[in-house]
């Protein structure tokens, strides 16, 4: 029952029909994308506020005006081929750098969709992708620079993705292990490297030469894909020693760097042998054999190849460095540069000297210059 009969008998007013066109226009005007409908006569039938503002107008100044009246001539010439295709009934999508009269240079994506096969014109959606494109180009530049660096270093580098396929593998790695270049193609399975090594007779000490090939491949791949961070040395069948440094990346990929340390290790062994022969009671600190304590007071500290990177790249600036530590204090040092045949030596309290092929025991002194701007500093 109705509590108020007079009101119940009154008919409800009919609902006003929704203006679908107004709703659609309101939605389009709220979008960040720039949208316009251009008729077959190339006159704007509709443009949202983002489109109009992009060209420095308000909407009412754009609708009813032709493309030539709204667009800069250079921009109109650039987009003319795409417009012709859209008016011919073809959906077109393009993205290019565009220079605008106000000095802006933007990377703009344009999507042209014909209306009724182009007979009623087309609508265009424009998006400013400048920030994303610049990030892509910066990343591509950095990637190209990194690839150029990796291609021209003697050290070996490779990255294996979490799925067990090559992401990157430089020429230094291939030369060090005698791998054919085609294995470095991104996407190559890690197992292809292992298989090539085994087929060419290069087995590690723990690998059974009588075992089935594919089992050895599977075992090695599983071993590599499960390792974490590690540094180790791999003796090669030809007598070389390769230092391998592996790091697990955040995405699960495995980064490995390889350095041929054969010369360094041989030099250190020779130096250790000679120094132990002359001073058997002294301790020794090097890279290969670790530390020997000795008498507890005296200790040789040796870098058998100071400047490894220069040495590997053929840059003639590397040396053998030996220091003598006594009771925790460095009291003497010798540096020998084999290429120039120069010997630098110093002893606490007695100064520093250099021996060259043309002069013996020439004393070295600190420069008297006090103004850094008139001095030369080298490393």
Protein backbone atom coordinates (compact mmCIF):
# COMPACT_ATOMS: atom_id res chain seq x y z
CA UNK A 1 0.00 0.00 0.00
CA UNK A 2 1.10 3.57 -0.66
CA UNK A 3 1.53 5.74 2.40
CA UNK A 4 0.81 8.91 0.36
CA UNK A 5 -1.84 8.16 -2.30
CA UNK A 6 -1.54 11.56 -3.93
CA UNK A 7 2.10 10.96 -4.64
CA UNK A 8 1.62 7.36 -5.69
CA UNK A 9 -0.85 8.31 -8.37
CA UNK A 10 1.52 10.88 -9.91
CA UNK A 11 3.40 9.41 -12.90
CA UNK A 12 7.22 9.39 -12.75
CA UNK A 13 8.89 11.71 -15.29
CA UNK A 14 10.52 9.82 -18.19
CA UNK A 15 14.31 9.43 -18.02
CA UNK A 16 16.19 11.76 -20.34
CA UNK A 17 17.94 9.85 -23.12
CA UNK A 18 21.71 9.75 -22.64
CA UNK A 19 23.76 11.74 -25.14
CA UNK A 20 26.19 8.99 -26.18
CA UNK A 21 28.17 11.40 -28.31
CA UNK A 22 28.76 13.72 -25.36
CA UNK A 23 29.83 10.81 -23.18
CA UNK A 24 32.30 9.57 -25.79
CA UNK A 25 33.72 13.06 -26.26
CA UNK A 26 34.14 13.44 -22.50
CA UNK A 27 36.02 10.14 -22.35
CA UNK A 28 38.29 11.06 -25.26
CA UNK A 29 38.99 14.50 -23.80
CA UNK A 30 40.12 12.88 -20.54
CA UNK A 31 42.75 10.71 -22.23
CA UNK A 32 46.43 11.64 -22.20
CA UNK A 33 46.76 10.45 -25.81
CA UNK A 34 46.18 12.93 -28.63
CA UNK A 35 43.18 11.92 -30.74
CA UNK A 36 41.58 13.48 -33.81
CA UNK A 37 39.14 12.54 -36.56
CA UNK A 38 39.99 13.95 -39.98
CA UNK A 39 37.53 13.75 -42.86
CA UNK A 40 38.31 12.70 -46.43
CA UNK A 41 38.72 16.39 -47.25
CA UNK A 42 41.54 16.52 -44.65
CA UNK A 43 39.52 18.78 -42.39
CA UNK A 44 39.34 18.13 -38.64
CA UNK A 45 35.93 16.77 -37.61
CA UNK A 46 36.98 16.16 -34.02
CA UNK A 47 40.04 16.74 -31.82
CA UNK A 48 40.47 16.22 -28.12
CA UNK A 49 42.08 18.81 -25.89
CA UNK A 50 45.44 16.99 -25.77
CA UNK A 51 45.66 16.99 -29.57
CA UNK A 52 44.81 20.68 -29.86
CA UNK A 53 47.16 21.73 -27.04
CA UNK A 54 50.03 19.76 -28.59
CA UNK A 55 49.86 22.01 -31.66
CA UNK A 56 49.37 25.16 -29.59
CA UNK A 57 45.61 25.54 -30.09
CA UNK A 58 42.33 25.09 -28.27
CA UNK A 59 39.80 22.56 -29.54
CA UNK A 60 37.46 25.13 -31.08
CA UNK A 61 40.34 26.50 -33.16
CA UNK A 62 41.14 23.06 -34.58
CA UNK A 63 37.73 21.62 -35.51
CA UNK A 64 36.78 22.72 -39.00
CA UNK A 65 40.33 23.58 -39.99
CA UNK A 66 42.41 21.61 -42.47
CA UNK A 67 45.59 19.73 -41.72
CA UNK A 68 47.62 22.35 -43.56
CA UNK A 69 46.18 25.04 -41.29
CA UNK A 70 46.97 23.16 -38.07
CA UNK A 71 50.24 21.38 -38.85
CA UNK A 72 53.60 22.95 -39.58
CA UNK A 73 54.50 22.42 -43.27
CA UNK A 74 57.50 20.25 -42.43
CA UNK A 75 55.40 18.06 -40.13
CA UNK A 76 52.59 17.89 -42.69
CA UNK A 77 55.07 16.74 -45.34
CA UNK A 78 56.45 14.08 -42.97
CA UNK A 79 53.06 12.51 -42.22
CA UNK A 80 51.56 12.92 -45.73
CA UNK A 81 52.44 9.37 -46.92
CA UNK A 82 50.81 7.80 -43.85
CA UNK A 83 47.68 9.94 -44.30
CA UNK A 84 47.39 8.94 -47.95
CA UNK A 85 47.51 5.26 -46.98
CA UNK A 86 44.87 5.77 -44.28
CA UNK A 87 42.53 7.55 -46.70
CA UNK A 88 43.03 4.61 -49.08
CA UNK A 89 41.65 2.30 -46.38
CA UNK A 90 44.88 1.01 -44.84
CA UNK A 91 45.55 0.95 -41.10
CA UNK A 92 48.94 2.53 -40.50
CA UNK A 93 51.23 2.62 -37.50
CA UNK A 94 54.49 4.57 -37.46
CA UNK A 95 56.90 6.08 -34.96
CA UNK A 96 59.55 8.65 -35.85
CA UNK A 97 61.52 11.56 -34.47
CA UNK A 98 59.76 14.81 -35.35
CA UNK A 99 61.25 18.32 -35.15
CA UNK A 100 58.61 20.94 -34.33
CA UNK A 101 58.84 24.68 -35.07
CA UNK A 102 59.00 25.57 -31.37
CA UNK A 103 62.29 23.65 -31.02
CA UNK A 104 60.91 20.43 -29.63
CA UNK A 105 62.28 17.19 -31.00
CA UNK A 106 59.97 14.37 -30.00
CA UNK A 107 59.62 10.70 -30.79
CA UNK A 108 55.95 10.38 -31.71
CA UNK A 109 53.94 7.25 -32.39
CA UNK A 110 50.99 7.72 -34.76
CA UNK A 111 48.22 5.19 -35.36
CA UNK A 112 45.91 5.88 -38.32
CA UNK A 113 42.65 3.94 -38.54
CA UNK A 114 40.39 4.42 -41.59
CA UNK A 115 36.70 5.21 -41.00
CA UNK A 116 34.41 3.30 -43.40
CA UNK A 117 37.40 2.21 -45.43
CA UNK A 118 38.69 5.77 -45.63
CA UNK A 119 35.53 7.15 -47.30
CA UNK A 120 34.73 9.06 -44.11
CA UNK A 121 38.32 9.90 -43.38
CA UNK A 122 40.34 8.44 -40.53
CA UNK A 123 41.10 8.95 -36.90
CA UNK A 124 44.61 9.28 -35.56
CA UNK A 125 45.99 8.54 -32.11
CA UNK A 126 49.32 10.17 -31.25
CA UNK A 127 51.54 9.29 -28.32
CA UNK A 128 54.70 11.03 -27.16
CA UNK A 129 57.23 8.24 -26.56
CA UNK A 130 60.26 10.53 -26.31
CA UNK A 131 61.29 9.57 -22.76
CA UNK A 132 60.99 5.83 -23.45
CA UNK A 133 62.82 6.14 -26.78
CA UNK A 134 65.67 8.08 -25.24
CA UNK A 135 66.04 5.42 -22.56
CA UNK A 136 66.12 2.75 -25.29
CA UNK A 137 68.73 4.65 -27.30
CA UNK A 138 70.86 5.28 -24.22
CA UNK A 139 70.69 1.60 -23.32
CA UNK A 140 71.57 0.63 -26.90
CA UNK A 141 74.53 3.03 -26.86
CA UNK A 142 75.79 1.65 -23.59
CA UNK A 143 75.32 -1.91 -24.83
CA UNK A 144 77.27 -1.12 -27.99
CA UNK A 145 80.05 0.47 -25.96
CA UNK A 146 80.17 -2.53 -23.63
CA UNK A 147 80.26 -4.96 -26.56
CA UNK A 148 83.09 -2.95 -28.16
CA UNK A 149 85.06 -3.04 -24.92
CA UNK A 150 84.48 -6.75 -24.41
CA UNK A 151 85.43 -7.50 -28.01
CA UNK A 152 88.79 -5.78 -27.61
CA UNK A 153 90.03 -7.09 -24.29
CA UNK A 154 92.25 -10.10 -23.92
CA UNK A 155 90.33 -11.43 -20.93
CA UNK A 156 87.49 -13.82 -21.61
CA UNK A 157 83.94 -12.92 -20.57
CA UNK A 158 80.66 -14.71 -20.98
CA UNK A 159 77.16 -14.59 -19.54
CA UNK A 160 74.91 -17.63 -19.47
CA UNK A 161 71.22 -16.96 -18.91
CA UNK A 162 69.20 -18.74 -16.21
CA UNK A 163 67.79 -21.07 -18.86
CA UNK A 164 71.31 -22.25 -19.79
CA UNK A 165 71.81 -20.31 -23.03
CA UNK A 166 74.46 -17.80 -24.10
CA UNK A 167 73.61 -14.14 -23.54
CA UNK A 168 77.08 -12.78 -24.32
CA UNK A 169 80.44 -14.35 -25.12
CA UNK A 170 83.43 -12.30 -26.26
CA UNK A 171 86.28 -13.13 -28.63
CA UNK A 172 88.79 -13.28 -25.77
CA UNK A 173 86.95 -16.21 -24.22
CA UNK A 174 86.77 -18.06 -27.54
CA UNK A 175 90.47 -17.55 -28.23
CA UNK A 176 91.44 -18.63 -24.71
CA UNK A 177 89.55 -21.93 -24.97
CA UNK A 178 89.86 -22.39 -28.75
CA UNK A 179 86.09 -22.28 -29.29
CA UNK A 180 84.76 -21.53 -32.81
CA UNK A 181 83.15 -18.07 -33.12
CA UNK A 182 79.67 -19.36 -34.02
CA UNK A 183 79.22 -20.72 -30.50
CA UNK A 184 79.10 -17.12 -29.27
CA UNK A 185 75.77 -16.48 -30.98
CA UNK A 186 73.21 -15.41 -28.34
CA UNK A 187 70.85 -18.27 -27.57
CA UNK A 188 73.45 -21.03 -28.08
CA UNK A 189 72.95 -23.75 -25.44
CA UNK A 190 75.73 -24.01 -22.87
CA UNK A 191 75.91 -27.71 -23.67
CA UNK A 192 77.26 -26.90 -27.14
CA UNK A 193 80.40 -25.40 -25.55
CA UNK A 194 80.85 -28.40 -23.29
CA UNK A 195 80.29 -30.84 -26.14
CA UNK A 196 82.85 -29.10 -28.36
CA UNK A 197 85.44 -29.16 -25.60
CA UNK A 198 84.94 -32.87 -24.97
CA UNK A 199 84.86 -33.83 -28.66
CA UNK A 200 88.21 -32.07 -29.14
CA UNK A 201 89.69 -34.15 -26.31
CA UNK A 202 89.81 -31.49 -23.58
CA UNK A 203 88.70 -33.26 -20.40
CA UNK A 204 88.99 -31.99 -16.86
CA UNK A 205 90.69 -34.24 -14.33
CA UNK A 206 87.41 -35.29 -12.72
CA UNK A 207 85.77 -36.25 -16.04
CA UNK A 208 85.77 -39.91 -17.04
CA UNK A 209 87.02 -40.17 -20.61
CA UNK A 210 85.23 -43.52 -20.98
CA UNK A 211 81.83 -42.13 -19.95
CA UNK A 212 79.05 -41.44 -22.46
CA UNK A 213 79.47 -38.03 -24.13
CA UNK A 214 75.97 -36.72 -23.49
CA UNK A 215 76.11 -37.73 -19.83
CA UNK A 216 79.35 -35.77 -19.41
CA UNK A 217 77.72 -32.79 -21.15
CA UNK A 218 74.63 -32.95 -18.93
CA UNK A 219 76.70 -33.31 -15.75
CA UNK A 220 78.92 -30.34 -16.63
CA UNK A 221 75.98 -28.11 -17.55
CA UNK A 222 74.19 -29.01 -14.32
CA UNK A 223 77.35 -28.28 -12.36
CA UNK A 224 77.83 -24.85 -13.93
CA UNK A 225 74.18 -23.84 -13.61
CA UNK A 226 74.18 -24.66 -9.88
CA UNK A 227 77.36 -22.81 -8.84
CA UNK A 228 77.29 -19.56 -6.91
CA UNK A 229 80.05 -17.01 -6.60
CA UNK A 230 83.47 -18.63 -6.89
CA UNK A 231 87.06 -18.00 -7.96
CA UNK A 232 89.21 -20.90 -9.10
CA UNK A 233 92.06 -21.83 -11.38
CA UNK A 234 91.71 -24.24 -14.28
CA UNK A 235 94.87 -25.99 -15.51
CA UNK A 236 94.60 -26.37 -19.28
CA UNK A 237 95.89 -29.44 -21.17
CA UNK A 238 98.52 -27.25 -22.86
CA UNK A 239 99.95 -26.18 -19.49
CA UNK A 240 98.27 -22.78 -19.26
CA UNK A 241 96.55 -21.72 -16.06
CA UNK A 242 93.23 -19.85 -16.38
CA UNK A 243 91.80 -17.96 -13.44
CA UNK A 244 87.99 -18.13 -13.50
CA UNK A 245 85.80 -15.73 -11.53
CA UNK A 246 82.09 -16.56 -11.51
CA UNK A 247 79.30 -14.40 -10.12
CA UNK A 248 75.61 -15.20 -9.99
CA UNK A 249 73.60 -12.17 -11.20
CA UNK A 250 70.28 -11.09 -9.61
CA UNK A 251 68.24 -12.50 -12.51
CA UNK A 252 69.87 -15.92 -12.13
CA UNK A 253 72.31 -15.52 -15.03
CA UNK A 254 75.94 -16.61 -14.56
CA UNK A 255 78.71 -14.11 -15.31
CA UNK A 256 82.17 -15.62 -15.79
CA UNK A 257 85.47 -13.82 -16.39
CA UNK A 258 88.63 -15.62 -17.49
CA UNK A 259 92.25 -14.46 -17.18
CA UNK A 260 95.34 -16.30 -18.34
CA UNK A 261 97.57 -16.16 -15.25
CA UNK A 262 100.22 -18.58 -16.53
CA UNK A 263 102.98 -15.96 -16.78
CA UNK A 264 102.14 -14.56 -13.36
CA UNK A 265 102.18 -17.98 -11.71
CA UNK A 266 105.45 -19.01 -13.38
CA UNK A 267 107.10 -15.73 -12.38
CA UNK A 268 105.94 -16.09 -8.78
CA UNK A 269 107.25 -19.65 -8.54
CA UNK A 270 110.64 -18.53 -9.85
CA UNK A 271 110.79 -15.57 -7.45
CA UNK A 272 109.73 -17.69 -4.49
CA UNK A 273 112.39 -20.29 -5.28
CA UNK A 274 115.19 -17.70 -5.58
CA UNK A 275 114.17 -15.70 -2.50
CA UNK A 276 113.85 -18.86 -0.40
CA UNK A 277 117.30 -19.93 -1.58
CA UNK A 278 118.92 -16.64 -0.51
CA UNK A 279 116.88 -16.05 2.67
CA UNK A 280 115.30 -19.36 3.68
CA UNK A 281 114.24 -18.03 7.08
CA UNK A 282 112.13 -15.17 5.65
CA UNK A 283 108.38 -15.43 5.18
CA UNK A 284 106.72 -15.02 1.80
CA UNK A 285 103.41 -13.48 0.71
CA UNK A 286 102.32 -13.98 -2.89
CA UNK A 287 99.19 -14.84 -4.88
CA UNK A 288 99.80 -18.43 -5.91
CA UNK A 289 101.08 -20.22 -2.85
CA UNK A 290 99.55 -17.94 -0.24
CA UNK A 291 101.67 -17.01 2.77
CA UNK A 292 104.69 -18.69 4.34
CA UNK A 293 105.24 -17.47 7.91
CA UNK A 294 109.04 -17.76 8.15
CA UNK A 295 110.83 -16.33 11.19
CA UNK A 296 107.93 -14.04 12.08
CA UNK A 297 109.99 -10.83 11.64
CA UNK A 298 110.89 -10.69 7.96
CA UNK A 299 108.57 -11.26 5.02
CA UNK A 300 108.86 -10.85 1.26
CA UNK A 301 105.75 -9.36 -0.39
CA UNK A 302 105.72 -10.14 -4.10
CA UNK A 303 103.65 -9.13 -7.13
CA UNK A 304 105.24 -11.13 -9.95
CA UNK A 305 103.37 -9.24 -12.67
CA UNK A 306 102.34 -5.76 -11.64
CA UNK A 307 100.26 -4.48 -14.57
CA UNK A 308 98.65 -7.70 -15.77
CA UNK A 309 96.15 -5.90 -18.00
CA UNK A 310 98.92 -4.00 -19.78
CA UNK A 311 100.88 -7.23 -20.21
CA UNK A 312 97.90 -9.07 -21.72
CA UNK A 313 97.22 -6.21 -24.13
CA UNK A 314 100.81 -5.78 -25.23
CA UNK A 315 101.19 -2.40 -23.51
CA UNK A 316 104.89 -2.19 -22.51
CA UNK A 317 104.31 -0.93 -18.98
CA UNK A 318 104.38 -3.75 -16.44
CA UNK A 319 106.84 -4.75 -13.78
CA UNK A 320 107.96 -7.20 -11.12
CA UNK A 321 107.50 -5.76 -7.63
CA UNK A 322 109.15 -7.05 -4.45
CA UNK A 323 108.91 -5.51 -1.00
CA UNK A 324 110.61 -6.49 2.26
CA UNK A 325 108.57 -6.15 5.43
CA UNK A 326 110.35 -6.19 8.80
CA UNK A 327 108.41 -6.18 12.05
CA UNK A 328 105.31 -4.97 10.24
CA UNK A 329 107.06 -2.11 8.39
CA UNK A 330 108.17 -1.95 4.74
CA UNK A 331 111.92 -1.29 4.81
CA UNK A 332 113.00 -2.02 1.22
CA UNK A 333 111.55 -2.44 -2.23
CA UNK A 334 112.55 -3.32 -5.78
CA UNK A 335 110.64 -2.77 -9.04
CA UNK A 336 111.97 -4.13 -12.32
CA UNK A 337 110.58 -3.14 -15.71
CA UNK A 338 111.79 -5.82 -18.15
CA UNK A 339 110.85 -4.00 -21.36
CA UNK A 340 112.91 -0.90 -20.56
CA UNK A 341 115.43 -2.86 -18.46
CA UNK A 342 115.03 -0.38 -15.60
CA UNK A 343 115.48 -1.33 -11.97
CA UNK A 344 114.05 0.91 -9.26
CA UNK A 345 115.13 0.20 -5.71
CA UNK A 346 114.86 1.88 -2.34
CA UNK A 347 115.83 1.23 1.28
CA UNK A 348 114.51 2.99 4.33
CA UNK A 349 116.91 5.73 5.37
CA UNK A 350 119.15 5.34 2.32
CA UNK A 351 117.03 6.89 -0.47
CA UNK A 352 115.71 5.66 -3.80
CA UNK A 353 117.70 4.84 -6.94
CA UNK A 354 117.35 3.66 -10.53
CA UNK A 355 119.60 1.44 -12.63
CA UNK A 356 119.28 1.78 -16.39
CA UNK A 357 121.29 0.30 -19.28
CA UNK A 358 123.20 3.62 -19.45
CA UNK A 359 123.49 4.60 -15.79
CA UNK A 360 123.94 2.79 -12.51
CA UNK A 361 122.56 3.81 -9.13
CA UNK A 362 121.25 7.20 -10.20
CA UNK A 363 119.60 8.77 -7.19
CA UNK A 364 115.91 9.67 -7.41
CA UNK A 365 114.69 12.84 -5.72
CA UNK A 366 111.36 14.48 -5.08
CA UNK A 367 110.59 17.45 -7.33
CA UNK A 368 111.12 20.87 -5.85
CA UNK A 369 107.94 22.26 -7.39
CA UNK A 370 105.32 23.31 -4.87
CA UNK A 371 102.59 24.50 -7.25
CA UNK A 372 100.49 21.49 -8.44
CA UNK A 373 99.58 23.42 -11.61
CA UNK A 374 103.23 23.30 -12.68
CA UNK A 375 103.70 19.62 -11.84
CA UNK A 376 103.05 16.41 -13.76
CA UNK A 377 101.26 13.62 -11.93
CA UNK A 378 101.22 10.12 -13.39
CA UNK A 379 99.79 6.78 -12.27
